[in-house]
């Protein structure tokens, strides 16, 4: 069992090892990656990881290495590209290549979004990358689902399994833009690519105390597709501080709010759930998104990334299945 103390000690050892080895020439930039220890850790353990510590975690999280392919498990909060001066996966790749003694430069084939954790597929051969990209494109055309995510949700879907189909688009909201659902997109908006038709298949793996562990398989790719689709199920992902406020409740019954009526804010959880998670309202603000890219189907077989310690800790606290590593 991946208990809380073990997970925190593991993160600390990885960070200490990274500092001792050095970052191999990684430039120090702006904001780091959130360090998210288990829920019961003391407040001083909450913080951000810098380049050296993040590099150490990436080096320790390699799950597959064969030929031109390298796969590792990304922590939540690490963007693939990032903004200027921001720590990102791409910025760390040259140093990671040197750490691992690889002869050629690495580039990203597949990776989850910034706030997600999970499997990152890297390649040091452009031909291998092109073959894999064709494989993923062909798989989607054949109606297959090469990516599998796991999510912890606040709420349990009414049906044990099903599909979420909707249009998605960017919508201006004041000074920012947000991804919003378009439940009945018109042909013209789809043809002009103003709206994209999206599809996610889901299955409930377990439920306890009003929360659930879901398997998600997106058929399409759109920014923030999975968090938005979960709100349409009225079951936002735990740690979703951007979209969860679109799900309101009256007398305990959930309903969907229009985007303009749901400003971005820290996810709101009731006192009972906070207690079960062992979180204070202050710690809730730093709770990571519980959405993990767990598996990718490849021509040679599936690649898997184990659930991270914070995710396993949450499953254990909630009594959901899967908190024991295989």
C-alpha atoms as a PDB file:
ATOM      1  CA  UNK A   1       0.000   0.000   0.000  1.00  0.00           C
ATOM      2  CA  UNK A   2       1.300   3.427  -0.894  1.00  0.00           C
ATOM      3  CA  UNK A   3       0.695   5.121   2.456  1.00  0.00           C
ATOM      4  CA  UNK A   4       0.968   8.858   3.039  1.00  0.00           C
ATOM      5  CA  UNK A   5       4.210   8.837   5.048  1.00  0.00           C
ATOM      6  CA  UNK A   6       5.942   6.581   2.524  1.00  0.00           C
ATOM      7  CA  UNK A   7       4.878   8.830  -0.355  1.00  0.00           C
ATOM      8  CA  UNK A   8       6.115  11.975   1.375  1.00  0.00           C
ATOM      9  CA  UNK A   9       9.454  10.355   2.220  1.00  0.00           C
ATOM     10  CA  UNK A  10       9.774   9.207  -1.395  1.00  0.00           C
ATOM     11  CA  UNK A  11       9.260  12.731  -2.690  1.00  0.00           C
ATOM     12  CA  UNK A  12      11.760  14.076  -0.176  1.00  0.00           C
ATOM     13  CA  UNK A  13      14.387  11.491  -1.155  1.00  0.00           C
ATOM     14  CA  UNK A  14      13.901  12.262  -4.854  1.00  0.00           C
ATOM     15  CA  UNK A  15      14.296  15.972  -4.219  1.00  0.00           C
ATOM     16  CA  UNK A  16      17.415  15.447  -2.080  1.00  0.00           C
ATOM     17  CA  UNK A  17      18.923  13.194  -4.745  1.00  0.00           C
ATOM     18  CA  UNK A  18      18.277  15.768  -7.438  1.00  0.00           C
ATOM     19  CA  UNK A  19      19.976  18.491  -5.388  1.00  0.00           C
ATOM     20  CA  UNK A  20      22.991  16.247  -4.746  1.00  0.00           C
ATOM     21  CA  UNK A  21      23.417  15.325  -8.406  1.00  0.00           C
ATOM     22  CA  UNK A  22      22.764  18.794  -9.819  1.00  0.00           C
ATOM     23  CA  UNK A  23      20.469  19.689 -12.656  1.00  0.00           C
ATOM     24  CA  UNK A  24      22.906  19.054 -15.463  1.00  0.00           C
ATOM     25  CA  UNK A  25      22.759  22.607 -16.753  1.00  0.00           C
ATOM     26  CA  UNK A  26      19.050  23.300 -16.303  1.00  0.00           C
ATOM     27  CA  UNK A  27      18.442  27.047 -16.312  1.00  0.00           C
ATOM     28  CA  UNK A  28      16.623  28.391 -13.277  1.00  0.00           C
ATOM     29  CA  UNK A  29      13.437  30.077 -14.365  1.00  0.00           C
ATOM     30  CA  UNK A  30      10.119  31.253 -13.045  1.00  0.00           C
ATOM     31  CA  UNK A  31       7.472  29.258 -11.251  1.00  0.00           C
ATOM     32  CA  UNK A  32       8.161  25.674 -10.310  1.00  0.00           C
ATOM     33  CA  UNK A  33       6.010  22.573 -10.249  1.00  0.00           C
ATOM     34  CA  UNK A  34       3.621  22.159  -7.308  1.00  0.00           C
ATOM     35  CA  UNK A  35       4.871  19.708  -4.727  1.00  0.00           C
ATOM     36  CA  UNK A  36       1.804  17.895  -3.456  1.00  0.00           C
ATOM     37  CA  UNK A  37       2.388  15.639  -0.450  1.00  0.00           C
ATOM     38  CA  UNK A  38      -0.399  13.480   0.965  1.00  0.00           C
ATOM     39  CA  UNK A  39      -3.331  15.237   2.561  1.00  0.00           C
ATOM     40  CA  UNK A  40      -2.279  14.775   6.175  1.00  0.00           C
ATOM     41  CA  UNK A  41       1.174  16.374   5.727  1.00  0.00           C
ATOM     42  CA  UNK A  42       1.922  19.478   7.743  1.00  0.00           C
ATOM     43  CA  UNK A  43       1.478  22.876   6.014  1.00  0.00           C
ATOM     44  CA  UNK A  44       5.214  23.495   5.773  1.00  0.00           C
ATOM     45  CA  UNK A  45       5.504  20.496   3.444  1.00  0.00           C
ATOM     46  CA  UNK A  46       3.388  22.266   0.839  1.00  0.00           C
ATOM     47  CA  UNK A  47       5.473  24.153  -1.700  1.00  0.00           C
ATOM     48  CA  UNK A  48       6.855  24.120  -5.223  1.00  0.00           C
ATOM     49  CA  UNK A  49       9.588  22.068  -6.812  1.00  0.00           C
ATOM     50  CA  UNK A  50      12.358  23.827  -8.725  1.00  0.00           C
ATOM     51  CA  UNK A  51      14.182  22.538 -11.826  1.00  0.00           C
ATOM     52  CA  UNK A  52      16.589  20.251  -9.965  1.00  0.00           C
ATOM     53  CA  UNK A  53      13.910  18.589  -7.850  1.00  0.00           C
ATOM     54  CA  UNK A  54      11.539  18.197 -10.808  1.00  0.00           C
ATOM     55  CA  UNK A  55      14.308  16.669 -12.897  1.00  0.00           C
ATOM     56  CA  UNK A  56      15.018  14.207 -10.102  1.00  0.00           C
ATOM     57  CA  UNK A  57      11.379  13.165 -10.002  1.00  0.00           C
ATOM     58  CA  UNK A  58      11.262  12.693 -13.782  1.00  0.00           C
ATOM     59  CA  UNK A  59      14.424  10.594 -13.728  1.00  0.00           C
ATOM     60  CA  UNK A  60      12.979   8.415 -10.963  1.00  0.00           C
ATOM     61  CA  UNK A  61       9.636   8.024 -12.781  1.00  0.00           C
ATOM     62  CA  UNK A  62      10.875   6.303 -15.967  1.00  0.00           C
ATOM     63  CA  UNK A  63       8.551   3.350 -16.643  1.00  0.00           C
ATOM     64  CA  UNK A  64       9.839   2.181 -20.041  1.00  0.00           C
ATOM     65  CA  UNK A  65      13.074   2.504 -22.000  1.00  0.00           C
ATOM     66  CA  UNK A  66      13.606   0.615 -25.239  1.00  0.00           C
ATOM     67  CA  UNK A  67      15.288   1.688 -28.451  1.00  0.00           C
ATOM     68  CA  UNK A  68      14.247   5.217 -29.387  1.00  0.00           C
ATOM     69  CA  UNK A  69      11.324   5.268 -26.945  1.00  0.00           C
ATOM     70  CA  UNK A  70      11.309   6.496 -23.370  1.00  0.00           C
ATOM     71  CA  UNK A  71       8.220   6.678 -21.164  1.00  0.00           C
ATOM     72  CA  UNK A  72       7.888   8.322 -17.771  1.00  0.00           C
ATOM     73  CA  UNK A  73       5.157   9.503 -15.424  1.00  0.00           C
ATOM     74  CA  UNK A  74       4.696  13.280 -15.219  1.00  0.00           C
ATOM     75  CA  UNK A  75       3.687  14.989 -11.960  1.00  0.00           C
ATOM     76  CA  UNK A  76       0.592  17.225 -11.985  1.00  0.00           C
ATOM     77  CA  UNK A  77       1.204  20.904 -12.634  1.00  0.00           C
ATOM     78  CA  UNK A  78       4.110  20.462 -15.059  1.00  0.00           C
ATOM     79  CA  UNK A  79       3.268  21.899 -18.510  1.00  0.00           C
ATOM     80  CA  UNK A  80       4.678  20.360 -21.670  1.00  0.00           C
ATOM     81  CA  UNK A  81       5.713  23.685 -23.220  1.00  0.00           C
ATOM     82  CA  UNK A  82       4.967  26.380 -20.680  1.00  0.00           C
ATOM     83  CA  UNK A  83       5.066  30.139 -20.902  1.00  0.00           C
ATOM     84  CA  UNK A  84       8.300  32.149 -21.306  1.00  0.00           C
ATOM     85  CA  UNK A  85      10.435  31.727 -18.211  1.00  0.00           C
ATOM     86  CA  UNK A  86       8.225  28.925 -16.865  1.00  0.00           C
ATOM     87  CA  UNK A  87       9.520  25.502 -15.923  1.00  0.00           C
ATOM     88  CA  UNK A  88       8.286  22.930 -18.446  1.00  0.00           C
ATOM     89  CA  UNK A  89       8.858  19.373 -19.581  1.00  0.00           C
ATOM     90  CA  UNK A  90      10.421  20.476 -22.874  1.00  0.00           C
ATOM     91  CA  UNK A  91      12.870  22.756 -21.050  1.00  0.00           C
ATOM     92  CA  UNK A  92      14.026  19.813 -18.920  1.00  0.00           C
ATOM     93  CA  UNK A  93      14.500  17.324 -21.777  1.00  0.00           C
ATOM     94  CA  UNK A  94      18.142  18.201 -22.630  1.00  0.00           C
ATOM     95  CA  UNK A  95      19.200  17.735 -18.997  1.00  0.00           C
ATOM     96  CA  UNK A  96      17.127  14.557 -18.673  1.00  0.00           C
ATOM     97  CA  UNK A  97      18.808  13.146 -21.783  1.00  0.00           C
ATOM     98  CA  UNK A  98      22.235  13.790 -20.247  1.00  0.00           C
ATOM     99  CA  UNK A  99      21.180  12.252 -16.945  1.00  0.00           C
ATOM    100  CA  UNK A 100      20.036   9.079 -18.685  1.00  0.00           C
ATOM    101  CA  UNK A 101      23.045   8.926 -21.002  1.00  0.00           C
ATOM    102  CA  UNK A 102      20.968   9.008 -24.188  1.00  0.00           C
ATOM    103  CA  UNK A 103      22.846   9.788 -27.422  1.00  0.00           C
ATOM    104  CA  UNK A 104      20.138  11.795 -29.214  1.00  0.00           C
ATOM    105  CA  UNK A 105      17.762  14.609 -28.339  1.00  0.00           C
ATOM    106  CA  UNK A 106      14.344  13.742 -26.953  1.00  0.00           C
ATOM    107  CA  UNK A 107      11.033  15.124 -28.139  1.00  0.00           C
ATOM    108  CA  UNK A 108       7.464  14.637 -26.924  1.00  0.00           C
ATOM    109  CA  UNK A 109       5.165  12.199 -28.707  1.00  0.00           C
ATOM    110  CA  UNK A 110       2.276  12.104 -26.221  1.00  0.00           C
ATOM    111  CA  UNK A 111       1.731  13.790 -22.872  1.00  0.00           C
ATOM    112  CA  UNK A 112      -1.186  14.721 -20.613  1.00  0.00           C
ATOM    113  CA  UNK A 113      -2.204  18.332 -20.037  1.00  0.00           C
ATOM    114  CA  UNK A 114      -0.493  20.606 -17.510  1.00  0.00           C
ATOM    115  CA  UNK A 115      -2.744  19.852 -14.535  1.00  0.00           C
ATOM    116  CA  UNK A 116      -2.920  16.099 -15.226  1.00  0.00           C
ATOM    117  CA  UNK A 117      -0.430  13.519 -14.074  1.00  0.00           C
ATOM    118  CA  UNK A 118       0.569  10.435 -15.980  1.00  0.00           C
ATOM    119  CA  UNK A 119       2.250   8.818 -18.916  1.00  0.00           C
ATOM    120  CA  UNK A 120       4.586  10.858 -21.127  1.00  0.00           C
ATOM    121  CA  UNK A 121       5.885   9.186 -24.280  1.00  0.00           C
ATOM    122  CA  UNK A 122       9.218  10.521 -25.577  1.00  0.00           C
ATOM    123  CA  UNK A 123      11.233   9.614 -28.647  1.00  0.00           C
ATOM    124  CA  UNK A 124      14.773  10.235 -29.872  1.00  0.00           C
ATOM    125  CA  UNK A 125      13.954   9.279 -33.476  1.00  0.00           C
ATOM    126  CA  UNK A 126      11.765  11.400 -35.763  1.00  0.00           C
ATOM    127  CA  UNK A 127      10.812   8.387 -37.898  1.00  0.00           C
ATOM    128  CA  UNK A 128       9.632   6.497 -34.818  1.00  0.00           C
ATOM    129  CA  UNK A 129       7.644   9.570 -33.767  1.00  0.00           C
ATOM    130  CA  UNK A 130       5.956   9.828 -37.163  1.00  0.00           C
ATOM    131  CA  UNK A 131       5.034   6.119 -37.079  1.00  0.00           C
ATOM    132  CA  UNK A 132       3.481   6.481 -33.633  1.00  0.00           C
ATOM    133  CA  UNK A 133       1.556   9.606 -34.596  1.00  0.00           C
ATOM    134  CA  UNK A 134       0.138   7.773 -37.620  1.00  0.00           C
ATOM    135  CA  UNK A 135      -0.761   4.855 -35.346  1.00  0.00           C
ATOM    136  CA  UNK A 136      -2.713   7.152 -32.976  1.00  0.00           C
ATOM    137  CA  UNK A 137      -4.473   8.894 -35.885  1.00  0.00           C
ATOM    138  CA  UNK A 138      -5.453   5.583 -37.482  1.00  0.00           C
ATOM    139  CA  UNK A 139      -6.652   4.216 -34.131  1.00  0.00           C
ATOM    140  CA  UNK A 140      -9.031   7.163 -33.696  1.00  0.00           C
ATOM    141  CA  UNK A 141     -10.316   6.717 -37.252  1.00  0.00           C
ATOM    142  CA  UNK A 142     -11.040   3.054 -36.536  1.00  0.00           C
ATOM    143  CA  UNK A 143     -13.043   4.018 -33.457  1.00  0.00           C
ATOM    144  CA  UNK A 144     -10.426   2.822 -30.998  1.00  0.00           C
ATOM    145  CA  UNK A 145      -9.407   4.484 -27.726  1.00  0.00           C
ATOM    146  CA  UNK A 146      -5.605   4.407 -27.325  1.00  0.00           C
ATOM    147  CA  UNK A 147      -5.491   6.559 -24.148  1.00  0.00           C
ATOM    148  CA  UNK A 148      -6.949   5.514 -20.797  1.00  0.00           C
ATOM    149  CA  UNK A 149      -7.246   7.893 -17.842  1.00  0.00           C
ATOM    150  CA  UNK A 150      -8.269   7.354 -14.244  1.00  0.00           C
ATOM    151  CA  UNK A 151     -10.150  10.067 -12.342  1.00  0.00           C
ATOM    152  CA  UNK A 152     -11.549  10.546  -8.856  1.00  0.00           C
ATOM    153  CA  UNK A 153     -14.849  12.412  -9.055  1.00  0.00           C
ATOM    154  CA  UNK A 154     -17.006  14.269  -6.561  1.00  0.00           C
ATOM    155  CA  UNK A 155     -20.288  12.582  -7.329  1.00  0.00           C
ATOM    156  CA  UNK A 156     -21.189   9.242  -8.900  1.00  0.00           C
ATOM    157  CA  UNK A 157     -22.554   9.047 -12.485  1.00  0.00           C
ATOM    158  CA  UNK A 158     -26.167   7.933 -12.784  1.00  0.00           C
ATOM    159  CA  UNK A 159     -25.127   5.181 -15.223  1.00  0.00           C
ATOM    160  CA  UNK A 160     -22.266   2.771 -14.529  1.00  0.00           C
ATOM    161  CA  UNK A 161     -20.860   3.314 -18.012  1.00  0.00           C
ATOM    162  CA  UNK A 162     -21.593   5.351 -21.078  1.00  0.00           C
ATOM    163  CA  UNK A 163     -20.427   8.061 -23.455  1.00  0.00           C
ATOM    164  CA  UNK A 164     -20.257  11.830 -23.202  1.00  0.00           C
ATOM    165  CA  UNK A 165     -20.819  13.570 -26.535  1.00  0.00           C
ATOM    166  CA  UNK A 166     -20.815  17.330 -26.918  1.00  0.00           C
ATOM    167  CA  UNK A 167     -19.364  20.192 -28.910  1.00  0.00           C
ATOM    168  CA  UNK A 168     -16.592  22.192 -27.265  1.00  0.00           C
ATOM    169  CA  UNK A 169     -15.364  25.660 -28.060  1.00  0.00           C
ATOM    170  CA  UNK A 170     -13.405  28.558 -26.620  1.00  0.00           C
ATOM    171  CA  UNK A 171     -15.573  31.352 -25.234  1.00  0.00           C
ATOM    172  CA  UNK A 172     -14.431  34.781 -24.152  1.00  0.00           C
ATOM    173  CA  UNK A 173     -15.293  35.584 -20.540  1.00  0.00           C
ATOM    174  CA  UNK A 174     -14.076  39.049 -19.603  1.00  0.00           C
ATOM    175  CA  UNK A 175     -10.301  39.151 -19.958  1.00  0.00           C
ATOM    176  CA  UNK A 176      -9.926  35.396 -20.270  1.00  0.00           C
ATOM    177  CA  UNK A 177     -11.052  32.544 -22.518  1.00  0.00           C
ATOM    178  CA  UNK A 178     -12.654  29.354 -21.249  1.00  0.00           C
ATOM    179  CA  UNK A 179     -13.576  26.001 -22.786  1.00  0.00           C
ATOM    180  CA  UNK A 180     -17.359  25.596 -22.724  1.00  0.00           C
ATOM    181  CA  UNK A 181     -19.745  22.875 -23.957  1.00  0.00           C
ATOM    182  CA  UNK A 182     -22.009  23.403 -26.955  1.00  0.00           C
ATOM    183  CA  UNK A 183     -24.673  20.753 -26.505  1.00  0.00           C
ATOM    184  CA  UNK A 184     -26.211  21.104 -29.993  1.00  0.00           C
ATOM    185  CA  UNK A 185     -23.561  22.530 -32.325  1.00  0.00           C
ATOM    186  CA  UNK A 186     -24.704  23.618 -35.784  1.00  0.00           C
ATOM    187  CA  UNK A 187     -23.249  22.216 -38.980  1.00  0.00           C
ATOM    188  CA  UNK A 188     -21.798  25.578 -39.971  1.00  0.00           C
ATOM    189  CA  UNK A 189     -19.965  26.079 -36.679  1.00  0.00           C
ATOM    190  CA  UNK A 190     -18.537  22.552 -36.969  1.00  0.00           C
ATOM    191  CA  UNK A 191     -17.542  23.085 -40.605  1.00  0.00           C
ATOM    192  CA  UNK A 192     -15.843  26.385 -39.753  1.00  0.00           C
ATOM    193  CA  UNK A 193     -14.136  24.601 -36.823  1.00  0.00           C
ATOM    194  CA  UNK A 194     -15.527  27.138 -34.388  1.00  0.00           C
ATOM    195  CA  UNK A 195     -16.833  24.156 -32.432  1.00  0.00           C
ATOM    196  CA  UNK A 196     -15.351  20.657 -32.248  1.00  0.00           C
ATOM    197  CA  UNK A 197     -17.461  17.554 -31.741  1.00  0.00           C
ATOM    198  CA  UNK A 198     -15.972  15.550 -28.856  1.00  0.00           C
ATOM    199  CA  UNK A 199     -16.521  12.120 -27.351  1.00  0.00           C
ATOM    200  CA  UNK A 200     -15.347  10.392 -24.174  1.00  0.00           C
ATOM    201  CA  UNK A 201     -16.221   6.885 -23.020  1.00  0.00           C
ATOM    202  CA  UNK A 202     -16.408   6.335 -19.251  1.00  0.00           C
ATOM    203  CA  UNK A 203     -16.831   3.447 -16.815  1.00  0.00           C
ATOM    204  CA  UNK A 204     -17.290   3.519 -13.045  1.00  0.00           C
ATOM    205  CA  UNK A 205     -14.636   1.329 -11.392  1.00  0.00           C
ATOM    206  CA  UNK A 206     -15.889   1.894  -7.863  1.00  0.00           C
ATOM    207  CA  UNK A 207     -17.898   4.253  -5.677  1.00  0.00           C
ATOM    208  CA  UNK A 208     -17.930   5.136  -1.990  1.00  0.00           C
ATOM    209  CA  UNK A 209     -19.402   7.952   0.060  1.00  0.00           C
ATOM    210  CA  UNK A 210     -20.588   9.986  -2.903  1.00  0.00           C
ATOM    211  CA  UNK A 211     -17.257   9.823  -4.769  1.00  0.00           C
ATOM    212  CA  UNK A 212     -16.176   7.547  -7.608  1.00  0.00           C
ATOM    213  CA  UNK A 213     -13.147   6.179  -9.399  1.00  0.00           C
ATOM    214  CA  UNK A 214     -13.723   6.438 -13.149  1.00  0.00           C
ATOM    215  CA  UNK A 215     -11.967   5.079 -16.206  1.00  0.00           C
ATOM    216  CA  UNK A 216     -12.030   7.611 -19.061  1.00  0.00           C
ATOM    217  CA  UNK A 217     -11.139   6.975 -22.707  1.00  0.00           C
ATOM    218  CA  UNK A 218     -11.256  10.048 -24.962  1.00  0.00           C
ATOM    219  CA  UNK A 219     -11.956   9.410 -28.636  1.00  0.00           C
ATOM    220  CA  UNK A 220     -11.139  13.031 -29.531  1.00  0.00           C
ATOM    221  CA  UNK A 221      -8.653  15.602 -28.284  1.00  0.00           C
ATOM    222  CA  UNK A 222      -9.570  19.124 -27.192  1.00  0.00           C
ATOM    223  CA  UNK A 223      -8.071  21.290 -24.432  1.00  0.00           C
ATOM    224  CA  UNK A 224      -9.699  20.501 -21.071  1.00  0.00           C
ATOM    225  CA  UNK A 225     -11.993  17.960 -22.716  1.00  0.00           C
ATOM    226  CA  UNK A 226     -12.026  15.488 -19.835  1.00  0.00           C
ATOM    227  CA  UNK A 227     -12.653  17.972 -16.972  1.00  0.00           C
ATOM    228  CA  UNK A 228     -15.468  19.625 -18.954  1.00  0.00           C
ATOM    229  CA  UNK A 229     -17.016  16.265 -19.839  1.00  0.00           C
ATOM    230  CA  UNK A 230     -16.985  15.281 -16.164  1.00  0.00           C
ATOM    231  CA  UNK A 231     -18.916  18.423 -15.270  1.00  0.00           C
ATOM    232  CA  UNK A 232     -21.544  17.397 -17.847  1.00  0.00           C
ATOM    233  CA  UNK A 233     -21.882  14.152 -15.886  1.00  0.00           C
ATOM    234  CA  UNK A 234     -22.401  16.398 -12.820  1.00  0.00           C
ATOM    235  CA  UNK A 235     -19.356  14.664 -11.330  1.00  0.00           C
ATOM    236  CA  UNK A 236     -16.382  17.057 -11.477  1.00  0.00           C
ATOM    237  CA  UNK A 237     -12.902  15.710 -10.926  1.00  0.00           C
ATOM    238  CA  UNK A 238     -11.481  16.097  -7.439  1.00  0.00           C
ATOM    239  CA  UNK A 239      -9.015  18.996  -7.484  1.00  0.00           C
ATOM    240  CA  UNK A 240     -10.642  20.674 -10.502  1.00  0.00           C
ATOM    241  CA  UNK A 241     -10.459  24.303  -9.407  1.00  0.00           C
ATOM    242  CA  UNK A 242     -11.478  25.642 -12.815  1.00  0.00           C
ATOM    243  CA  UNK A 243     -14.596  23.790 -13.945  1.00  0.00           C
ATOM    244  CA  UNK A 244     -16.068  22.259 -10.775  1.00  0.00           C
ATOM    245  CA  UNK A 245     -17.936  25.461  -9.888  1.00  0.00           C
ATOM    246  CA  UNK A 246     -20.213  24.844 -12.912  1.00  0.00           C
ATOM    247  CA  UNK A 247     -21.888  22.084 -10.905  1.00  0.00           C
ATOM    248  CA  UNK A 248     -24.284  23.603  -8.371  1.00  0.00           C
ATOM    249  CA  UNK A 249     -26.427  21.866  -5.749  1.00  0.00           C
ATOM    250  CA  UNK A 250     -29.894  22.503  -4.364  1.00  0.00           C
ATOM    251  CA  UNK A 251     -30.900  20.292  -1.437  1.00  0.00           C
ATOM    252  CA  UNK A 252     -28.075  17.956  -2.393  1.00  0.00           C
ATOM    253  CA  UNK A 253     -29.234  17.552  -5.994  1.00  0.00           C
ATOM    254  CA  UNK A 254     -26.573  18.574  -8.566  1.00  0.00           C
ATOM    255  CA  UNK A 255     -27.355  20.702 -11.615  1.00  0.00           C
ATOM    256  CA  UNK A 256     -25.304  22.390 -14.326  1.00  0.00           C
ATOM    257  CA  UNK A 257     -24.771  26.139 -14.203  1.00  0.00           C
ATOM    258  CA  UNK A 258     -24.128  28.190 -17.358  1.00  0.00           C
ATOM    259  CA  UNK A 259     -20.428  29.117 -17.721  1.00  0.00           C
ATOM    260  CA  UNK A 260     -21.052  32.830 -17.126  1.00  0.00           C
ATOM    261  CA  UNK A 261     -22.750  32.051 -13.804  1.00  0.00           C
ATOM    262  CA  UNK A 262     -19.849  29.944 -12.511  1.00  0.00           C
ATOM    263  CA  UNK A 263     -16.701  32.027 -11.981  1.00  0.00           C
ATOM    264  CA  UNK A 264     -13.380  30.212 -11.603  1.00  0.00           C
ATOM    265  CA  UNK A 265     -12.642  29.505  -7.970  1.00  0.00           C
ATOM    266  CA  UNK A 266     -11.241  26.898  -5.614  1.00  0.00           C
ATOM    267  CA  UNK A 267     -13.309  23.732  -5.685  1.00  0.00           C
ATOM    268  CA  UNK A 268     -15.891  23.683  -2.904  1.00  0.00           C
ATOM    269  CA  UNK A 269     -16.262  20.471  -0.877  1.00  0.00           C
ATOM    270  CA  UNK A 270     -18.579  19.860   2.062  1.00  0.00           C
ATOM    271  CA  UNK A 271     -17.149  19.463   5.553  1.00  0.00           C
ATOM    272  CA  UNK A 272     -17.765  15.717   5.652  1.00  0.00           C
ATOM    273  CA  UNK A 273     -15.722  15.104   2.490  1.00  0.00           C
ATOM    274  CA  UNK A 274     -12.954  17.445   3.662  1.00  0.00           C
ATOM    275  CA  UNK A 275     -12.784  15.462   6.888  1.00  0.00           C
ATOM    276  CA  UNK A 276     -12.609  12.137   5.035  1.00  0.00           C
ATOM    277  CA  UNK A 277      -9.783  13.498   2.899  1.00  0.00           C
ATOM    278  CA  UNK A 278      -7.990  14.919   5.941  1.00  0.00           C
ATOM    279  CA  UNK A 279      -7.874  18.390   4.363  1.00  0.00           C
ATOM    280  CA  UNK A 280      -8.280  21.880   5.743  1.00  0.00           C
ATOM    281  CA  UNK A 281      -9.906  24.560   3.533  1.00  0.00           C
ATOM    282  CA  UNK A 282      -6.441  26.089   3.058  1.00  0.00           C
ATOM    283  CA  UNK A 283      -4.963  22.790   1.890  1.00  0.00           C
ATOM    284  CA  UNK A 284      -7.894  22.260  -0.480  1.00  0.00           C
ATOM    285  CA  UNK A 285      -6.682  25.209  -2.563  1.00  0.00           C
ATOM    286  CA  UNK A 286      -3.531  23.252  -3.414  1.00  0.00           C
ATOM    287  CA  UNK A 287      -5.173  19.897  -3.972  1.00  0.00           C
ATOM    288  CA  UNK A 288      -4.056  18.634  -7.410  1.00  0.00           C
ATOM    289  CA  UNK A 289      -6.338  17.490 -10.172  1.00  0.00           C
ATOM    290  CA  UNK A 290      -7.076  13.780  -9.753  1.00  0.00           C
ATOM    291  CA  UNK A 291      -6.894  12.965 -13.465  1.00  0.00           C
ATOM    292  CA  UNK A 292      -4.116  10.565 -14.470  1.00  0.00           C
ATOM    293  CA  UNK A 293      -3.111   9.241 -17.909  1.00  0.00           C
ATOM    294  CA  UNK A 294      -2.693   5.635 -16.858  1.00  0.00           C
ATOM    295  CA  UNK A 295      -2.208   3.752 -20.139  1.00  0.00           C
ATOM    296  CA  UNK A 296      -1.357   4.232 -23.812  1.00  0.00           C
ATOM    297  CA  UNK A 297      -1.931   1.515 -26.408  1.00  0.00           C
ATOM    298  CA  UNK A 298       1.091   1.184 -28.731  1.00  0.00           C
ATOM    299  CA  UNK A 299       1.753  -1.142 -31.693  1.00  0.00           C
ATOM    300  CA  UNK A 300       4.016  -3.294 -29.502  1.00  0.00           C
ATOM    301  CA  UNK A 301       1.555  -3.392 -26.589  1.00  0.00           C
ATOM    302  CA  UNK A 302       0.241  -1.119 -23.832  1.00  0.00           C
ATOM    303  CA  UNK A 303       2.409   1.129 -21.658  1.00  0.00           C
ATOM    304  CA  UNK A 304       1.231   1.947 -18.148  1.00  0.00           C
ATOM    305  CA  UNK A 305       2.107   4.577 -15.557  1.00  0.00           C
ATOM    306  CA  UNK A 306       1.315   3.744 -11.908  1.00  0.00           C
ATOM    307  CA  UNK A 307      -0.996   6.043 -10.013  1.00  0.00           C
ATOM    308  CA  UNK A 308       0.989   8.734  -8.143  1.00  0.00           C
ATOM    309  CA  UNK A 309       1.228   8.708  -4.337  1.00  0.00           C
ATOM    310  CA  UNK A 310      -1.252  11.558  -3.792  1.00  0.00           C
ATOM    311  CA  UNK A 311      -3.843   9.743  -5.955  1.00  0.00           C
ATOM    312  CA  UNK A 312      -3.337   6.438  -4.119  1.00  0.00           C
ATOM    313  CA  UNK A 313      -3.596   8.250  -0.794  1.00  0.00           C
ATOM    314  CA  UNK A 314      -6.950   9.756  -1.813  1.00  0.00           C
ATOM    315  CA  UNK A 315      -8.284   6.354  -2.892  1.00  0.00           C
ATOM    316  CA  UNK A 316      -7.331   4.922   0.488  1.00  0.00           C
ATOM    317  CA  UNK A 317      -8.912   7.803   2.423  1.00  0.00           C
ATOM    318  CA  UNK A 318     -12.159   7.498   0.443  1.00  0.00           C
ATOM    319  CA  UNK A 319     -12.276   3.689   0.491  1.00  0.00           C
ATOM    320  CA  UNK A 320     -12.175   3.465  -3.302  1.00  0.00           C
ATOM    321  CA  UNK A 321     -10.599   0.480  -5.130  1.00  0.00           C
ATOM    322  CA  UNK A 322      -7.135   0.628  -6.601  1.00  0.00           C
ATOM    323  CA  UNK A 323      -5.112   1.978  -3.681  1.00  0.00           C
ATOM    324  CA  UNK A 324      -2.913  -1.098  -3.680  1.00  0.00           C
ATOM    325  CA  UNK A 325      -0.230  -1.147  -6.349  1.00  0.00           C
ATOM    326  CA  UNK A 326      -0.107  -4.378  -8.460  1.00  0.00           C
END
